[in-house]
């Protein structure tokens, strides 16, 4: 009885597998161009299309690597969690804009400086809701280090500022017309 049940189960399993394999062969075919419900593929590219034939996504073998094309959409979908979108020419993941090597998340690296390129944004260190251009919240304080006798003055000329100038071990806060130029700051 045990063996009969085993062989019947095995026969049923093999029948399902052969049927599935035949259905897959009928849908895919054996030519280089295959199609399954809007997905087509060749040896070096897979394309996903909508019911109207518009390309939604392509995955391409580039030899040493691969590339993915996503059709641009006009705006972020309301259900963007764990999803990648192309809006215009900008990519978004989880609703957040992805950057390039020069710009990411509102920050820009121009090769010399890294800066917040969104002027209205505030930077928080240790705080999620900064209330100033730079807001630091930390019980261990803030440390600025430099080497006496080295460096250049952060800014000269008139204006209101707070600056630390390690070269002359000087800290200046307030408003000036030009008295904080390098030649006027003592050692």
N, C-alpha and C. Protein backbone atom coordinates (compact mmCIF):
# COMPACT_ATOMS: atom_id res chain seq x y z
N UNK A 1 0.82 -1.18 0.00
CA UNK A 1 0.00 0.00 0.00
C UNK A 1 0.87 1.26 0.00
N UNK A 2 1.93 1.24 0.84
CA UNK A 2 2.83 2.39 0.90
C UNK A 2 3.46 2.65 -0.45
N UNK A 3 3.89 1.56 -1.11
CA UNK A 3 4.57 1.71 -2.39
C UNK A 3 3.60 2.19 -3.47
N UNK A 4 2.37 1.72 -3.42
CA UNK A 4 1.38 2.17 -4.41
C UNK A 4 1.11 3.66 -4.25
N UNK A 5 0.98 4.14 -3.02
CA UNK A 5 0.75 5.55 -2.76
C UNK A 5 1.95 6.38 -3.23
N UNK A 6 3.14 5.86 -2.98
CA UNK A 6 4.35 6.55 -3.41
C UNK A 6 4.39 6.67 -4.93
N UNK A 7 4.12 5.57 -5.66
CA UNK A 7 4.16 5.59 -7.12
C UNK A 7 3.05 6.46 -7.72
N UNK A 8 1.88 6.44 -7.11
CA UNK A 8 0.80 7.31 -7.60
C UNK A 8 1.19 8.78 -7.42
N UNK A 9 1.75 9.12 -6.25
CA UNK A 9 2.20 10.49 -5.99
C UNK A 9 3.30 10.89 -6.97
N UNK A 10 4.25 9.97 -7.20
CA UNK A 10 5.34 10.24 -8.15
C UNK A 10 4.80 10.44 -9.55
N UNK A 11 3.87 9.60 -9.97
CA UNK A 11 3.27 9.71 -11.30
C UNK A 11 2.52 11.02 -11.46
N UNK A 12 1.76 11.41 -10.44
CA UNK A 12 1.04 12.68 -10.46
C UNK A 12 2.02 13.85 -10.55
N UNK A 13 3.09 13.81 -9.76
CA UNK A 13 4.11 14.86 -9.79
C UNK A 13 4.74 14.97 -11.16
N UNK A 14 5.12 13.85 -11.77
CA UNK A 14 5.75 13.87 -13.09
C UNK A 14 4.78 14.37 -14.15
N UNK A 15 3.50 14.01 -14.05
CA UNK A 15 2.50 14.48 -15.01
C UNK A 15 2.37 16.00 -14.94
N UNK A 16 2.32 16.55 -13.73
CA UNK A 16 2.23 18.00 -13.56
C UNK A 16 3.49 18.67 -14.12
N UNK A 17 4.64 18.09 -13.86
CA UNK A 17 5.89 18.68 -14.35
C UNK A 17 5.96 18.67 -15.88
N UNK A 18 5.57 17.56 -16.50
CA UNK A 18 5.58 17.47 -17.97
C UNK A 18 4.58 18.44 -18.55
N UNK A 19 3.39 18.55 -17.94
CA UNK A 19 2.37 19.48 -18.41
C UNK A 19 2.87 20.92 -18.30
N UNK A 20 3.49 21.26 -17.18
CA UNK A 20 4.05 22.61 -16.98
C UNK A 20 5.14 22.89 -18.00
N UNK A 21 6.02 21.93 -18.22
CA UNK A 21 7.11 22.11 -19.17
C UNK A 21 6.57 22.31 -20.58
N UNK A 22 5.53 21.56 -20.97
CA UNK A 22 4.94 21.70 -22.30
C UNK A 22 4.29 23.06 -22.45
N UNK A 23 3.56 23.51 -21.42
CA UNK A 23 2.90 24.82 -21.45
C UNK A 23 3.95 25.93 -21.57
N UNK A 24 5.03 25.81 -20.82
CA UNK A 24 6.11 26.78 -20.89
C UNK A 24 6.73 26.80 -22.27
N UNK A 25 6.95 25.63 -22.85
CA UNK A 25 7.52 25.55 -24.20
C UNK A 25 6.58 26.17 -25.22
N UNK A 26 5.27 25.94 -25.07
CA UNK A 26 4.29 26.52 -25.99
C UNK A 26 4.27 28.04 -25.89
N UNK A 27 4.41 28.57 -24.67
CA UNK A 27 4.39 30.02 -24.47
C UNK A 27 5.70 30.69 -24.88
N UNK A 28 6.80 30.05 -24.58
CA UNK A 28 8.10 30.66 -24.85
C UNK A 28 8.57 30.36 -26.26
N UNK A 29 8.43 29.14 -26.69
CA UNK A 29 8.96 28.76 -27.99
C UNK A 29 10.46 28.53 -27.88
N UNK A 30 11.06 28.17 -28.98
CA UNK A 30 12.49 27.90 -28.94
C UNK A 30 13.28 28.88 -29.79
N UNK A 31 12.59 29.92 -30.32
CA UNK A 31 13.30 30.95 -31.08
C UNK A 31 13.97 31.92 -30.11
N UNK A 32 14.94 32.73 -30.63
CA UNK A 32 15.60 33.69 -29.76
C UNK A 32 14.64 34.73 -29.19
N UNK A 33 13.56 35.05 -29.90
CA UNK A 33 12.60 36.05 -29.42
C UNK A 33 11.49 35.31 -28.67
N UNK A 34 11.41 35.50 -27.36
CA UNK A 34 10.42 34.81 -26.53
C UNK A 34 9.42 35.82 -26.00
N UNK A 35 8.19 35.34 -25.66
CA UNK A 35 7.19 36.25 -25.13
C UNK A 35 6.31 35.54 -24.13
N UNK A 36 6.14 36.17 -22.95
CA UNK A 36 5.22 35.70 -21.93
C UNK A 36 4.52 36.92 -21.36
N UNK A 37 3.24 37.09 -21.61
CA UNK A 37 2.42 38.16 -21.04
C UNK A 37 3.14 39.51 -20.98
N UNK A 38 3.56 40.06 -22.10
CA UNK A 38 4.18 41.38 -22.13
C UNK A 38 5.66 41.40 -21.87
N UNK A 39 6.26 40.26 -21.58
CA UNK A 39 7.71 40.18 -21.34
C UNK A 39 8.33 39.50 -22.53
N UNK A 40 9.26 40.17 -23.18
CA UNK A 40 9.98 39.56 -24.30
C UNK A 40 11.45 39.53 -23.95
N UNK A 41 12.17 38.61 -24.57
CA UNK A 41 13.58 38.51 -24.27
C UNK A 41 14.39 37.94 -25.41
N UNK A 42 15.62 38.40 -25.50
CA UNK A 42 16.60 37.83 -26.41
C UNK A 42 17.79 37.45 -25.56
N UNK A 43 18.89 37.09 -26.19
CA UNK A 43 20.07 36.70 -25.42
C UNK A 43 20.67 37.84 -24.62
N UNK A 44 20.44 39.11 -25.06
CA UNK A 44 21.08 40.23 -24.37
C UNK A 44 20.11 41.27 -23.82
N UNK A 45 18.79 41.06 -23.95
CA UNK A 45 17.84 42.07 -23.47
C UNK A 45 16.51 41.44 -23.09
N UNK A 46 15.96 41.94 -21.97
CA UNK A 46 14.61 41.57 -21.54
C UNK A 46 13.78 42.85 -21.53
N UNK A 47 12.61 42.83 -22.14
CA UNK A 47 11.75 44.00 -22.23
C UNK A 47 10.40 43.69 -21.61
N UNK A 48 9.90 44.62 -20.81
CA UNK A 48 8.57 44.51 -20.21
C UNK A 48 7.72 45.62 -20.81
N UNK A 49 6.58 45.23 -21.39
CA UNK A 49 5.69 46.20 -22.04
C UNK A 49 4.31 46.13 -21.41
N UNK A 50 3.56 47.24 -21.52
CA UNK A 50 2.18 47.22 -21.06
C UNK A 50 1.29 46.64 -22.15
N UNK A 51 -0.02 46.59 -21.90
CA UNK A 51 -0.94 45.96 -22.87
C UNK A 51 -1.01 46.71 -24.19
N UNK A 52 -0.58 47.98 -24.23
CA UNK A 52 -0.58 48.76 -25.47
C UNK A 52 0.74 48.64 -26.23
N UNK A 53 1.69 47.89 -25.67
CA UNK A 53 2.98 47.71 -26.34
C UNK A 53 4.02 48.75 -25.96
N UNK A 54 3.71 49.64 -25.01
CA UNK A 54 4.68 50.65 -24.56
C UNK A 54 5.73 50.00 -23.66
N UNK A 55 7.00 50.32 -23.89
CA UNK A 55 8.08 49.77 -23.07
C UNK A 55 8.03 50.39 -21.68
N UNK A 56 7.92 49.55 -20.65
CA UNK A 56 7.93 50.02 -19.27
C UNK A 56 9.31 49.89 -18.65
N UNK A 57 10.03 48.80 -19.03
CA UNK A 57 11.35 48.54 -18.47
C UNK A 57 12.14 47.65 -19.41
N UNK A 58 13.45 47.89 -19.49
CA UNK A 58 14.34 47.02 -20.24
C UNK A 58 15.57 46.72 -19.39
N UNK A 59 15.97 45.47 -19.38
CA UNK A 59 17.21 45.05 -18.73
C UNK A 59 18.12 44.55 -19.84
N UNK A 60 19.30 45.18 -19.97
CA UNK A 60 20.19 44.88 -21.09
C UNK A 60 21.54 44.38 -20.60
N UNK A 61 22.03 43.32 -21.23
CA UNK A 61 23.37 42.81 -20.98
C UNK A 61 24.34 43.72 -21.73
N UNK A 62 25.23 44.39 -20.99
CA UNK A 62 26.18 45.32 -21.59
C UNK A 62 27.58 44.71 -21.70
N UNK A 63 27.68 43.41 -21.63
CA UNK A 63 28.98 42.75 -21.72
C UNK A 63 29.57 42.52 -20.34
N UNK A 64 30.27 43.51 -19.80
CA UNK A 64 30.88 43.40 -18.48
C UNK A 64 29.90 43.71 -17.35
N UNK A 65 28.75 44.22 -17.69
CA UNK A 65 27.74 44.57 -16.70
C UNK A 65 26.39 44.64 -17.37
N UNK A 66 25.48 45.34 -16.74
CA UNK A 66 24.15 45.47 -17.31
C UNK A 66 23.58 46.83 -17.05
N UNK A 67 22.47 47.13 -17.72
CA UNK A 67 21.78 48.40 -17.50
C UNK A 67 20.29 48.15 -17.41
N UNK A 68 19.60 49.07 -16.74
CA UNK A 68 18.16 48.99 -16.59
C UNK A 68 17.57 50.31 -17.06
N UNK A 69 16.57 50.24 -17.93
CA UNK A 69 15.84 51.42 -18.38
C UNK A 69 14.46 51.38 -17.77
N UNK A 70 14.04 52.50 -17.18
CA UNK A 70 12.69 52.64 -16.66
C UNK A 70 11.99 53.76 -17.41
N UNK A 71 10.78 53.51 -17.87
CA UNK A 71 10.02 54.54 -18.56
C UNK A 71 9.73 55.68 -17.59
N UNK A 72 9.97 56.93 -18.02
CA UNK A 72 9.66 58.06 -17.15
C UNK A 72 8.16 58.19 -16.91
N UNK A 73 7.80 58.65 -15.70
CA UNK A 73 6.41 58.93 -15.38
C UNK A 73 6.32 60.39 -14.96
N UNK A 74 5.13 61.00 -15.03
CA UNK A 74 5.03 62.44 -14.73
C UNK A 74 5.16 62.80 -13.26
N UNK A 75 4.76 61.93 -12.34
CA UNK A 75 4.81 62.25 -10.92
C UNK A 75 4.95 60.98 -10.10
N UNK A 76 5.35 61.14 -8.86
CA UNK A 76 5.54 60.02 -7.94
C UNK A 76 4.19 59.41 -7.59
N UNK A 77 4.10 58.09 -7.67
CA UNK A 77 2.90 57.36 -7.30
C UNK A 77 2.69 57.48 -5.79
N UNK A 78 1.45 57.47 -5.34
CA UNK A 78 1.19 57.60 -3.90
C UNK A 78 1.68 56.38 -3.12
N UNK A 79 1.82 55.24 -3.77
CA UNK A 79 2.33 54.03 -3.11
C UNK A 79 3.77 53.80 -3.57
N UNK A 80 4.70 54.60 -3.07
CA UNK A 80 6.08 54.54 -3.55
C UNK A 80 7.02 53.74 -2.65
N UNK A 81 6.51 53.15 -1.60
CA UNK A 81 7.35 52.42 -0.67
C UNK A 81 8.07 51.26 -1.36
N UNK A 82 9.37 51.17 -1.16
CA UNK A 82 10.22 50.11 -1.72
C UNK A 82 10.11 50.02 -3.23
N UNK A 83 10.00 51.17 -3.90
CA UNK A 83 9.88 51.18 -5.36
C UNK A 83 10.84 52.20 -5.95
N UNK A 84 11.30 51.88 -7.17
CA UNK A 84 12.18 52.76 -7.93
C UNK A 84 11.38 53.38 -9.05
N UNK A 85 11.44 54.72 -9.18
CA UNK A 85 10.71 55.44 -10.22
C UNK A 85 11.65 56.34 -11.00
N UNK A 86 11.32 56.55 -12.28
CA UNK A 86 12.00 57.53 -13.13
C UNK A 86 10.99 58.63 -13.40
N UNK A 87 11.23 59.80 -12.82
CA UNK A 87 10.35 60.95 -13.04
C UNK A 87 11.16 61.95 -13.86
N UNK A 88 10.80 62.07 -15.14
CA UNK A 88 11.61 62.89 -16.04
C UNK A 88 12.93 62.19 -16.29
N UNK A 89 13.99 62.76 -15.77
CA UNK A 89 15.31 62.14 -15.88
C UNK A 89 15.90 61.86 -14.52
N UNK A 90 15.10 61.98 -13.46
CA UNK A 90 15.59 61.79 -12.10
C UNK A 90 15.01 60.52 -11.50
N UNK A 91 15.85 59.71 -10.83
CA UNK A 91 15.40 58.47 -10.19
C UNK A 91 15.02 58.73 -8.74
N UNK A 92 13.99 58.03 -8.29
CA UNK A 92 13.52 58.12 -6.91
C UNK A 92 13.40 56.72 -6.34
N UNK A 93 13.85 56.52 -5.10
CA UNK A 93 13.71 55.26 -4.39
C UNK A 93 13.01 55.56 -3.08
N UNK A 94 11.94 54.84 -2.79
CA UNK A 94 11.16 55.04 -1.57
C UNK A 94 10.67 56.47 -1.43
N UNK A 95 10.47 57.16 -2.55
CA UNK A 95 10.00 58.53 -2.52
C UNK A 95 11.09 59.58 -2.41
N UNK A 96 12.36 59.15 -2.27
CA UNK A 96 13.46 60.09 -2.14
C UNK A 96 14.27 60.14 -3.43
N UNK A 97 14.64 61.33 -3.83
CA UNK A 97 15.42 61.52 -5.04
C UNK A 97 16.81 60.91 -4.86
N UNK A 98 17.22 60.13 -5.84
CA UNK A 98 18.57 59.58 -5.84
C UNK A 98 19.48 60.55 -6.59
N UNK A 99 20.72 60.61 -6.19
CA UNK A 99 21.64 61.55 -6.83
C UNK A 99 22.59 60.88 -7.78
N UNK A 100 23.50 61.69 -8.27
CA UNK A 100 24.58 61.21 -9.12
C UNK A 100 25.86 61.27 -8.30
N UNK A 101 26.99 61.07 -8.92
CA UNK A 101 28.24 61.21 -8.18
C UNK A 101 28.51 62.66 -7.84
N UNK A 102 27.85 63.59 -8.56
CA UNK A 102 28.03 65.01 -8.27
C UNK A 102 26.97 65.54 -7.32
N UNK A 103 25.81 64.91 -7.25
CA UNK A 103 24.71 65.46 -6.46
C UNK A 103 23.88 64.32 -5.90
N UNK A 104 23.62 64.36 -4.60
CA UNK A 104 22.81 63.33 -3.97
C UNK A 104 22.03 63.92 -2.81
N UNK A 105 20.72 63.75 -2.86
CA UNK A 105 19.87 64.16 -1.76
C UNK A 105 20.01 65.61 -1.36
N UNK A 106 20.19 66.51 -2.33
CA UNK A 106 20.32 67.93 -2.02
C UNK A 106 21.75 68.39 -1.80
N UNK A 107 22.71 67.46 -1.86
CA UNK A 107 24.13 67.80 -1.67
C UNK A 107 24.84 67.72 -3.02
N UNK A 108 25.76 68.64 -3.26
CA UNK A 108 26.52 68.69 -4.50
C UNK A 108 28.01 68.64 -4.21
N UNK A 109 28.74 67.84 -4.98
CA UNK A 109 30.20 67.77 -4.91
C UNK A 109 30.72 68.25 -6.26
N UNK A 110 31.26 69.46 -6.30
CA UNK A 110 31.74 70.01 -7.57
C UNK A 110 33.22 69.71 -7.81
N UNK A 111 33.81 68.84 -7.03
CA UNK A 111 35.22 68.48 -7.18
C UNK A 111 36.12 69.25 -6.23
N UNK A 112 35.66 70.41 -5.77
CA UNK A 112 36.42 71.22 -4.82
C UNK A 112 35.65 71.37 -3.51
N UNK A 113 34.34 71.55 -3.61
CA UNK A 113 33.51 71.78 -2.44
C UNK A 113 32.33 70.80 -2.43
N UNK A 114 31.88 70.46 -1.24
CA UNK A 114 30.64 69.71 -1.06
C UNK A 114 29.71 70.65 -0.31
N UNK A 115 28.51 70.88 -0.85
CA UNK A 115 27.60 71.82 -0.23
C UNK A 115 26.16 71.41 -0.43
N UNK A 116 25.30 71.95 0.44
CA UNK A 116 23.86 71.72 0.34
C UNK A 116 23.35 72.61 -0.79
N UNK A 117 22.89 72.00 -1.87
CA UNK A 117 22.48 72.76 -3.05
C UNK A 117 21.02 73.20 -2.99
N UNK A 118 20.32 72.87 -1.93
CA UNK A 118 18.94 73.32 -1.74
C UNK A 118 18.97 74.43 -0.70
N UNK A 119 18.99 75.67 -1.15
CA UNK A 119 19.22 76.81 -0.27
C UNK A 119 18.23 76.91 0.88
N UNK A 120 17.01 76.47 0.70
CA UNK A 120 16.01 76.56 1.76
C UNK A 120 16.14 75.46 2.80
N UNK A 121 16.95 74.45 2.52
CA UNK A 121 17.09 73.33 3.45
C UNK A 121 17.93 73.70 4.65
N UNK A 122 17.70 72.98 5.74
CA UNK A 122 18.48 73.14 6.96
C UNK A 122 19.21 71.83 7.22
N UNK A 123 20.40 71.91 7.78
CA UNK A 123 21.23 70.74 8.04
C UNK A 123 21.19 70.44 9.53
N UNK A 124 20.83 69.21 9.88
CA UNK A 124 20.79 68.81 11.27
C UNK A 124 21.80 67.72 11.54
N UNK A 125 22.56 67.89 12.60
CA UNK A 125 23.50 66.85 13.05
C UNK A 125 23.04 66.46 14.45
N UNK A 126 22.55 65.24 14.57
CA UNK A 126 22.02 64.77 15.84
C UNK A 126 20.59 65.21 16.09
N UNK A 127 19.96 65.81 15.08
CA UNK A 127 18.58 66.26 15.22
C UNK A 127 17.89 66.11 13.87
N UNK A 128 16.66 65.60 13.89
CA UNK A 128 15.92 65.36 12.64
C UNK A 128 15.19 66.60 12.15
N UNK A 129 14.93 67.57 13.04
CA UNK A 129 14.19 68.78 12.65
C UNK A 129 15.00 70.01 13.01
N UNK A 130 16.03 70.33 12.22
CA UNK A 130 16.86 71.50 12.55
C UNK A 130 16.07 72.80 12.44
N UNK A 131 16.38 73.75 13.33
CA UNK A 131 15.69 75.04 13.32
C UNK A 131 16.58 76.17 12.80
N UNK A 132 17.77 75.85 12.32
CA UNK A 132 18.68 76.84 11.77
C UNK A 132 19.39 76.23 10.57
N UNK A 133 20.15 77.05 9.84
CA UNK A 133 20.89 76.56 8.68
C UNK A 133 21.76 75.37 9.03
N UNK A 134 22.42 75.43 10.19
CA UNK A 134 23.19 74.31 10.73
C UNK A 134 22.80 74.19 12.19
N UNK A 135 22.23 73.07 12.57
CA UNK A 135 21.76 72.84 13.93
C UNK A 135 22.41 71.56 14.44
N UNK A 136 23.22 71.70 15.49
CA UNK A 136 23.90 70.55 16.08
C UNK A 136 23.33 70.31 17.46
N UNK A 137 22.88 69.07 17.71
CA UNK A 137 22.38 68.70 19.03
C UNK A 137 23.16 67.48 19.49
N UNK A 138 23.96 67.68 20.54
CA UNK A 138 24.78 66.59 21.04
C UNK A 138 25.25 66.95 22.44
N UNK A 139 25.14 66.04 23.37
CA UNK A 139 25.57 66.30 24.75
C UNK A 139 27.08 66.37 24.89
N UNK A 140 27.83 65.91 23.90
CA UNK A 140 29.29 65.92 23.98
C UNK A 140 29.90 67.17 23.35
N UNK A 141 29.08 68.12 22.91
CA UNK A 141 29.59 69.38 22.39
C UNK A 141 30.02 69.30 20.94
N UNK A 142 30.73 70.34 20.50
CA UNK A 142 31.21 70.47 19.13
C UNK A 142 32.71 70.73 19.19
N UNK A 143 33.46 70.12 18.31
CA UNK A 143 34.91 70.29 18.29
C UNK A 143 35.35 70.72 16.91
N UNK A 144 36.10 71.80 16.85
CA UNK A 144 36.72 72.25 15.61
C UNK A 144 38.22 72.22 15.86
N UNK A 145 38.98 71.56 14.98
CA UNK A 145 40.43 71.48 15.15
C UNK A 145 41.15 72.06 13.94
N UNK A 146 42.33 72.54 14.17
CA UNK A 146 43.18 73.04 13.11
C UNK A 146 44.61 73.07 13.61
N UNK A 147 45.52 73.56 12.79
CA UNK A 147 46.93 73.65 13.18
C UNK A 147 47.35 75.11 13.17
N UNK A 148 47.85 75.57 14.30
CA UNK A 148 48.32 76.95 14.42
C UNK A 148 49.41 77.22 13.38
N UNK A 149 49.29 78.34 12.68
CA UNK A 149 50.28 78.72 11.67
C UNK A 149 49.97 78.20 10.27
N UNK A 150 48.90 77.41 10.12
CA UNK A 150 48.55 76.85 8.81
C UNK A 150 47.11 77.18 8.46
N UNK A 151 46.83 77.28 7.15
CA UNK A 151 45.48 77.49 6.67
C UNK A 151 45.27 78.91 6.18
N UNK A 152 44.08 79.13 5.66
CA UNK A 152 43.72 80.47 5.17
C UNK A 152 42.48 80.94 5.91
N UNK A 153 42.30 82.24 5.95
CA UNK A 153 41.16 82.82 6.64
C UNK A 153 39.87 82.39 5.91
N UNK A 154 38.84 81.98 6.65
CA UNK A 154 37.62 81.52 6.00
C UNK A 154 36.93 82.59 5.15
N UNK A 155 36.92 83.84 5.62
CA UNK A 155 36.27 84.91 4.87
C UNK A 155 36.81 86.26 5.32
N UNK A 156 37.08 87.12 4.35
CA UNK A 156 37.51 88.49 4.65
C UNK A 156 36.43 89.46 4.21
N UNK A 157 36.60 90.73 4.58
CA UNK A 157 35.66 91.77 4.16
C UNK A 157 34.58 92.00 5.18
N UNK A 158 33.68 92.92 4.84
CA UNK A 158 32.63 93.30 5.78
C UNK A 158 31.55 92.24 5.86
N UNK A 159 30.81 92.32 6.95
CA UNK A 159 29.68 91.41 7.13
C UNK A 159 29.52 90.95 8.55
N UNK A 160 28.48 90.18 8.77
CA UNK A 160 28.19 89.59 10.07
C UNK A 160 28.50 88.11 9.98
N UNK A 161 29.31 87.65 10.94
CA UNK A 161 29.71 86.24 10.87
C UNK A 161 30.22 85.73 12.21
N UNK A 162 30.37 84.42 12.25
CA UNK A 162 31.07 83.74 13.33
C UNK A 162 32.10 82.86 12.64
N UNK A 163 33.37 83.02 12.99
CA UNK A 163 34.39 82.22 12.31
C UNK A 163 35.51 81.83 13.26
N UNK A 164 36.08 80.69 12.97
CA UNK A 164 37.24 80.14 13.68
C UNK A 164 38.37 80.11 12.68
N UNK A 165 39.51 80.72 13.04
CA UNK A 165 40.67 80.83 12.14
C UNK A 165 41.86 80.16 12.82
N UNK A 166 42.07 78.86 12.57
CA UNK A 166 43.13 78.12 13.25
C UNK A 166 44.54 78.68 13.04
N UNK A 167 44.83 79.23 11.87
CA UNK A 167 46.19 79.73 11.58
C UNK A 167 46.64 80.73 12.63
N UNK A 168 45.70 81.56 13.14
CA UNK A 168 46.05 82.56 14.14
C UNK A 168 45.34 82.30 15.47
N UNK A 169 44.79 81.11 15.63
CA UNK A 169 44.07 80.72 16.85
C UNK A 169 43.05 81.78 17.25
N UNK A 170 42.31 82.28 16.26
CA UNK A 170 41.36 83.36 16.49
C UNK A 170 39.93 82.90 16.28
N UNK A 171 39.05 83.38 17.15
CA UNK A 171 37.63 83.13 17.04
C UNK A 171 36.95 84.49 17.02
N UNK A 172 36.16 84.76 16.00
CA UNK A 172 35.52 86.07 15.86
C UNK A 172 34.02 85.90 15.69
N UNK A 173 33.25 86.73 16.39
CA UNK A 173 31.79 86.72 16.29
C UNK A 173 31.33 88.17 16.28
N UNK A 174 30.46 88.51 15.34
CA UNK A 174 29.89 89.85 15.32
C UNK A 174 29.80 90.42 13.93
N UNK A 175 29.86 91.76 13.84
CA UNK A 175 29.76 92.48 12.58
C UNK A 175 31.03 93.31 12.41
N UNK A 176 31.53 93.38 11.18
CA UNK A 176 32.74 94.14 10.93
C UNK A 176 32.66 94.82 9.58
N UNK A 177 33.47 95.89 9.43
CA UNK A 177 33.55 96.53 8.12
C UNK A 177 34.73 95.98 7.34
N UNK A 178 35.85 95.70 7.98
CA UNK A 178 36.98 95.04 7.33
C UNK A 178 38.06 94.68 8.34
N UNK A 179 37.78 94.87 9.63
CA UNK A 179 38.80 94.64 10.66
C UNK A 179 39.12 93.16 10.89
N UNK A 180 38.39 92.27 10.25
CA UNK A 180 38.68 90.85 10.40
C UNK A 180 39.43 90.29 9.19
N UNK A 181 39.97 91.15 8.37
CA UNK A 181 40.84 90.68 7.28
C UNK A 181 42.09 90.10 7.90
N UNK A 182 42.77 89.23 7.19
CA UNK A 182 43.91 88.50 7.71
C UNK A 182 44.95 89.40 8.37
N UNK A 183 45.27 90.54 7.77
CA UNK A 183 46.33 91.39 8.33
C UNK A 183 45.92 92.04 9.64
N UNK A 184 44.62 92.09 9.95
CA UNK A 184 44.17 92.73 11.17
C UNK A 184 43.92 91.73 12.32
N UNK A 185 44.04 90.46 12.05
CA UNK A 185 43.84 89.45 13.09
C UNK A 185 45.20 89.06 13.64
N UNK A 186 45.37 89.25 14.94
CA UNK A 186 46.67 88.96 15.57
C UNK A 186 46.88 87.49 15.84
N UNK A 187 48.13 87.18 16.22
CA UNK A 187 48.48 85.80 16.57
C UNK A 187 48.13 85.50 18.01
